[in-house]
Amino acid sequence: MARTNWEVTREMFLDEAEVGRLLQRLREPVGTRTGRQRAIAMLDQFIVEGLLYSGLRNSEFCQLTLADTCLGHGQPAFRVAGAGQSGRTVFLPDALNRLVRQYVEQVRPHFLPAGVAPDDLGQALVFNERRQPYERTGLYRRVVRILTGAGLKDRASVQLLRHTYGYLAYLKTGGNLLFVQQQLGHAHPMVTVVYARFVRESYADL
């Protein structure tokens, strides 16, 4: 039987109210800035919401190409590459799928390298201001900076967003452990079950 060798504590994820405050902080600059500064604010929003509502690991998000989105395969999902046959399809909520389309149409062209066609499915999904695809360290630092600016300094990390996804996915699906396991790419549901203890259920109602 698989055994978890790590523990998720309450400080390692955001609850629904905290998520709401974070999204408000992310979206305010999008509504007030113009030109390139607005594009940068929208890039920040896409990175954080993309991680928050997919639960992808840092490296998995960096490896996404345009072909791995709804624009490449038609599904509201990210297709995540893995070694051999270990890749998976991560289904996205409607709001994030719409944000993917908005990002690709309105934001991504600002950061594409010269000579790269916007509809080239083999190109990276996310580029930085230097027109380079993100690598793990660069993305991690950006997420920490964004979350710190949103008032989450002591908790700021990509893993905070991944754990938040695990908690919310378990909560919103009524405790569908196998779904959350598949979405997060856990090898065994015994790893995923760590989120269950944070969801308060009425045993009388059950």
Foldseek 3Di string as FASTA:
>chain_A
DDADPDADDPLLADDPVRVVLLLVVLCVQCVVDDDPSNLVSLLLNLLLVVCLFQLEDLQQLLPFFQLQDCLNVVAQWGWTDDPDPLIATGHGDPVSNVSLVCCLPPRQVQQADPPDDSSPRVGRSDGDNPNHRDHRVVSQVSQQVSVVVSVSNVNGGSSRSSVNNLLVVCQVVVRPQVSSCRSNSPPDSNNSCSSVVVHDDDPVVD
